[in-house]
Amino acid sequence: MKKKISIAGLLLVLAFSLQQLMAQAPPPPSGTGGSGDTTPAGGGGAPIGSGIGILLALGAAYGGKKVYQVLQKQESIEE
C-alpha cells in the first residue's frame, strides 16, 4: 500500500513539474524594427574565445593524464 501511494505521489509531482518545464518565454522581437537595425535577435555578441581556450586546456590536461597512466601501466608490466 505504501508503495502505491509513493508511486502515485511521484507521478503527481512529475505531472505538475513537466507542465512547468514545457513553458517557454515568448521569442524576442526581430531586429528589423522601424529604425533600420538589422542585428540578429538572439545573442549576437556572445564572447566564446575564452571558453574555447579553457576547453582546449582541459582537453590537453586530460589527454596528458591518460598518456601518463598508460606509461605507468607499461612500466609496471615490464618489471
N, C-alpha and C. Protein backbone atom coordinates (compact mmCIF):
# COMPACT_ATOMS: atom_id res chain seq x y z
N MET A 1 0.83 -1.20 0.00
CA MET A 1 0.00 0.00 0.00
C MET A 1 0.87 1.25 0.00
N LYS A 2 1.95 1.25 0.81
CA LYS A 2 2.83 2.41 0.85
C LYS A 2 3.49 2.63 -0.51
N LYS A 3 3.82 1.53 -1.17
CA LYS A 3 4.48 1.64 -2.47
C LYS A 3 3.55 2.29 -3.49
N LYS A 4 2.28 1.93 -3.48
CA LYS A 4 1.32 2.52 -4.42
C LYS A 4 1.12 4.00 -4.14
N ILE A 5 1.08 4.39 -2.88
CA ILE A 5 0.91 5.79 -2.53
C ILE A 5 2.13 6.60 -2.95
N SER A 6 3.32 6.04 -2.72
CA SER A 6 4.53 6.77 -3.10
C SER A 6 4.64 6.90 -4.61
N ILE A 7 4.25 5.88 -5.35
CA ILE A 7 4.28 5.95 -6.81
C ILE A 7 3.27 6.98 -7.31
N ALA A 8 2.07 6.99 -6.71
CA ALA A 8 1.06 7.97 -7.11
C ALA A 8 1.53 9.39 -6.80
N GLY A 9 2.15 9.59 -5.67
CA GLY A 9 2.69 10.91 -5.32
C GLY A 9 3.78 11.34 -6.28
N LEU A 10 4.65 10.41 -6.62
CA LEU A 10 5.73 10.71 -7.55
C LEU A 10 5.17 11.08 -8.92
N LEU A 11 4.19 10.35 -9.39
CA LEU A 11 3.58 10.66 -10.68
C LEU A 11 2.87 12.01 -10.66
N LEU A 12 2.25 12.35 -9.55
CA LEU A 12 1.58 13.64 -9.42
C LEU A 12 2.59 14.78 -9.47
N VAL A 13 3.68 14.64 -8.73
CA VAL A 13 4.72 15.67 -8.75
C VAL A 13 5.33 15.77 -10.14
N LEU A 14 5.58 14.65 -10.78
CA LEU A 14 6.16 14.64 -12.12
C LEU A 14 5.23 15.31 -13.13
N ALA A 15 3.94 15.06 -13.02
CA ALA A 15 2.98 15.65 -13.95
C ALA A 15 2.97 17.17 -13.83
N PHE A 16 2.98 17.69 -12.61
CA PHE A 16 2.97 19.14 -12.44
C PHE A 16 4.30 19.78 -12.82
N SER A 17 5.40 19.09 -12.56
CA SER A 17 6.70 19.67 -12.90
C SER A 17 6.91 19.67 -14.41
N LEU A 18 6.44 18.66 -15.11
CA LEU A 18 6.58 18.64 -16.56
C LEU A 18 5.80 19.76 -17.21
N GLN A 19 4.67 20.10 -16.65
CA GLN A 19 3.88 21.19 -17.20
C GLN A 19 4.64 22.50 -17.08
N GLN A 20 5.34 22.70 -15.97
CA GLN A 20 6.11 23.92 -15.78
C GLN A 20 7.36 23.92 -16.65
N LEU A 21 7.99 22.78 -16.85
CA LEU A 21 9.20 22.72 -17.64
C LEU A 21 8.95 22.96 -19.12
N MET A 22 7.77 22.67 -19.60
CA MET A 22 7.47 22.84 -21.02
C MET A 22 7.12 24.28 -21.37
N ALA A 23 6.87 25.13 -20.37
CA ALA A 23 6.53 26.51 -20.64
C ALA A 23 7.75 27.24 -21.18
N GLN A 24 7.55 28.06 -22.20
CA GLN A 24 8.65 28.79 -22.81
C GLN A 24 8.32 30.28 -22.85
N ALA A 25 9.35 31.07 -22.77
CA ALA A 25 9.17 32.51 -22.88
C ALA A 25 8.87 32.86 -24.33
N PRO A 26 8.20 33.97 -24.56
CA PRO A 26 7.93 34.36 -25.94
C PRO A 26 9.23 34.73 -26.64
N PRO A 27 9.28 34.55 -27.94
CA PRO A 27 10.52 34.87 -28.67
C PRO A 27 10.79 36.37 -28.63
N PRO A 28 12.06 36.76 -28.68
CA PRO A 28 12.37 38.20 -28.68
C PRO A 28 11.94 38.83 -29.99
N PRO A 29 11.72 40.11 -29.98
CA PRO A 29 11.31 40.75 -31.23
C PRO A 29 12.43 40.69 -32.26
N SER A 30 12.04 40.63 -33.51
CA SER A 30 13.05 40.58 -34.56
C SER A 30 13.78 41.92 -34.61
N GLY A 31 15.02 41.89 -35.06
CA GLY A 31 15.83 43.09 -35.07
C GLY A 31 15.48 44.07 -36.18
N THR A 32 14.46 43.80 -36.94
CA THR A 32 14.11 44.68 -38.06
C THR A 32 12.98 45.60 -37.67
N GLY A 33 13.24 46.43 -36.69
CA GLY A 33 12.25 47.42 -36.27
C GLY A 33 12.20 48.57 -37.24
N GLY A 34 11.57 49.63 -36.86
CA GLY A 34 11.44 50.79 -37.73
C GLY A 34 12.73 51.57 -37.86
N SER A 35 13.72 51.33 -37.00
CA SER A 35 14.94 52.14 -37.03
C SER A 35 15.96 51.64 -38.05
N GLY A 36 15.71 50.55 -38.72
CA GLY A 36 16.64 50.02 -39.70
C GLY A 36 17.72 49.15 -39.10
N ASP A 37 17.61 48.80 -37.84
CA ASP A 37 18.58 47.94 -37.17
C ASP A 37 18.36 46.51 -37.61
N THR A 38 19.38 45.88 -38.19
CA THR A 38 19.24 44.52 -38.70
C THR A 38 20.09 43.52 -37.94
N THR A 39 20.39 43.78 -36.66
CA THR A 39 21.17 42.84 -35.87
C THR A 39 20.33 41.61 -35.56
N PRO A 40 20.96 40.45 -35.42
CA PRO A 40 20.18 39.25 -35.10
C PRO A 40 19.52 39.38 -33.74
N ALA A 41 18.39 38.73 -33.59
CA ALA A 41 17.59 38.89 -32.38
C ALA A 41 18.22 38.23 -31.17
N GLY A 42 18.91 37.12 -31.32
CA GLY A 42 19.38 36.41 -30.14
C GLY A 42 20.87 36.25 -30.04
N GLY A 43 21.51 36.81 -29.04
CA GLY A 43 22.89 36.54 -28.68
C GLY A 43 23.95 36.87 -29.71
N GLY A 44 23.84 37.96 -30.40
CA GLY A 44 24.78 38.28 -31.44
C GLY A 44 26.20 38.53 -30.98
N GLY A 45 26.42 38.95 -29.74
CA GLY A 45 27.77 39.29 -29.33
C GLY A 45 28.30 38.47 -28.18
N ALA A 46 28.01 37.19 -28.13
CA ALA A 46 28.46 36.35 -27.02
C ALA A 46 29.95 36.05 -27.17
N PRO A 47 30.76 36.34 -26.13
CA PRO A 47 32.20 36.06 -26.22
C PRO A 47 32.47 34.57 -26.01
N ILE A 48 33.04 33.91 -27.00
CA ILE A 48 33.32 32.48 -26.87
C ILE A 48 34.80 32.17 -26.91
N GLY A 49 35.64 33.17 -27.11
CA GLY A 49 37.07 32.94 -27.24
C GLY A 49 37.69 32.34 -25.99
N SER A 50 37.38 32.89 -24.82
CA SER A 50 37.99 32.37 -23.59
C SER A 50 37.45 30.99 -23.24
N GLY A 51 36.23 30.72 -23.57
CA GLY A 51 35.66 29.40 -23.31
C GLY A 51 36.33 28.32 -24.13
N ILE A 52 36.64 28.63 -25.37
CA ILE A 52 37.32 27.65 -26.22
C ILE A 52 38.71 27.38 -25.69
N GLY A 53 39.39 28.43 -25.23
CA GLY A 53 40.73 28.25 -24.66
C GLY A 53 40.71 27.37 -23.43
N ILE A 54 39.72 27.58 -22.58
CA ILE A 54 39.59 26.76 -21.37
C ILE A 54 39.33 25.30 -21.74
N LEU A 55 38.46 25.07 -22.70
CA LEU A 55 38.16 23.70 -23.12
C LEU A 55 39.39 23.02 -23.73
N LEU A 56 40.17 23.75 -24.51
CA LEU A 56 41.38 23.18 -25.08
C LEU A 56 42.39 22.83 -23.99
N ALA A 57 42.53 23.71 -23.01
CA ALA A 57 43.47 23.43 -21.91
C ALA A 57 43.02 22.22 -21.11
N LEU A 58 41.74 22.11 -20.83
CA LEU A 58 41.24 20.95 -20.09
C LEU A 58 41.40 19.66 -20.88
N GLY A 59 41.17 19.73 -22.19
CA GLY A 59 41.36 18.55 -23.04
C GLY A 59 42.82 18.10 -23.08
N ALA A 60 43.73 19.07 -23.15
CA ALA A 60 45.15 18.74 -23.15
C ALA A 60 45.57 18.12 -21.82
N ALA A 61 45.05 18.66 -20.71
CA ALA A 61 45.38 18.10 -19.40
C ALA A 61 44.84 16.68 -19.26
N TYR A 62 43.63 16.45 -19.74
CA TYR A 62 43.04 15.11 -19.66
C TYR A 62 43.83 14.13 -20.53
N GLY A 63 44.20 14.55 -21.72
CA GLY A 63 45.00 13.69 -22.59
C GLY A 63 46.35 13.38 -21.98
N GLY A 64 46.99 14.38 -21.37
CA GLY A 64 48.25 14.15 -20.69
C GLY A 64 48.13 13.17 -19.55
N LYS A 65 47.05 13.27 -18.82
CA LYS A 65 46.82 12.34 -17.70
C LYS A 65 46.68 10.92 -18.22
N LYS A 66 45.94 10.74 -19.31
CA LYS A 66 45.75 9.41 -19.86
C LYS A 66 47.06 8.82 -20.39
N VAL A 67 47.86 9.64 -21.04
CA VAL A 67 49.16 9.18 -21.53
C VAL A 67 50.04 8.76 -20.36
N TYR A 68 50.05 9.56 -19.30
CA TYR A 68 50.84 9.24 -18.11
C TYR A 68 50.40 7.91 -17.49
N GLN A 69 49.06 7.69 -17.43
CA GLN A 69 48.55 6.45 -16.86
C GLN A 69 48.97 5.25 -17.71
N VAL A 70 48.93 5.39 -19.03
CA VAL A 70 49.33 4.29 -19.91
C VAL A 70 50.81 3.98 -19.74
N LEU A 71 51.64 5.02 -19.66
CA LEU A 71 53.07 4.81 -19.48
C LEU A 71 53.38 4.15 -18.14
N GLN A 72 52.67 4.55 -17.09
CA GLN A 72 52.88 3.93 -15.78
C GLN A 72 52.46 2.46 -15.81
N LYS A 73 51.39 2.16 -16.52
CA LYS A 73 50.92 0.79 -16.62
C LYS A 73 51.94 -0.08 -17.37
N GLN A 74 52.52 0.47 -18.44
CA GLN A 74 53.52 -0.26 -19.21
C GLN A 74 54.79 -0.52 -18.38
N GLU A 75 55.19 0.45 -17.57
CA GLU A 75 56.36 0.28 -16.72
C GLU A 75 56.14 -0.81 -15.67
N SER A 76 54.93 -0.87 -15.14
CA SER A 76 54.64 -1.87 -14.11
C SER A 76 54.58 -3.27 -14.73
N ILE A 77 54.19 -3.38 -15.99
CA ILE A 77 54.14 -4.69 -16.66
C ILE A 77 55.55 -5.17 -16.97
N GLU A 78 56.44 -4.25 -17.36
CA GLU A 78 57.81 -4.62 -17.72
C GLU A 78 58.62 -5.07 -16.51
N GLU A 79 58.29 -4.66 -15.33
CA GLU A 79 59.06 -5.02 -14.14
C GLU A 79 58.83 -6.40 -13.69
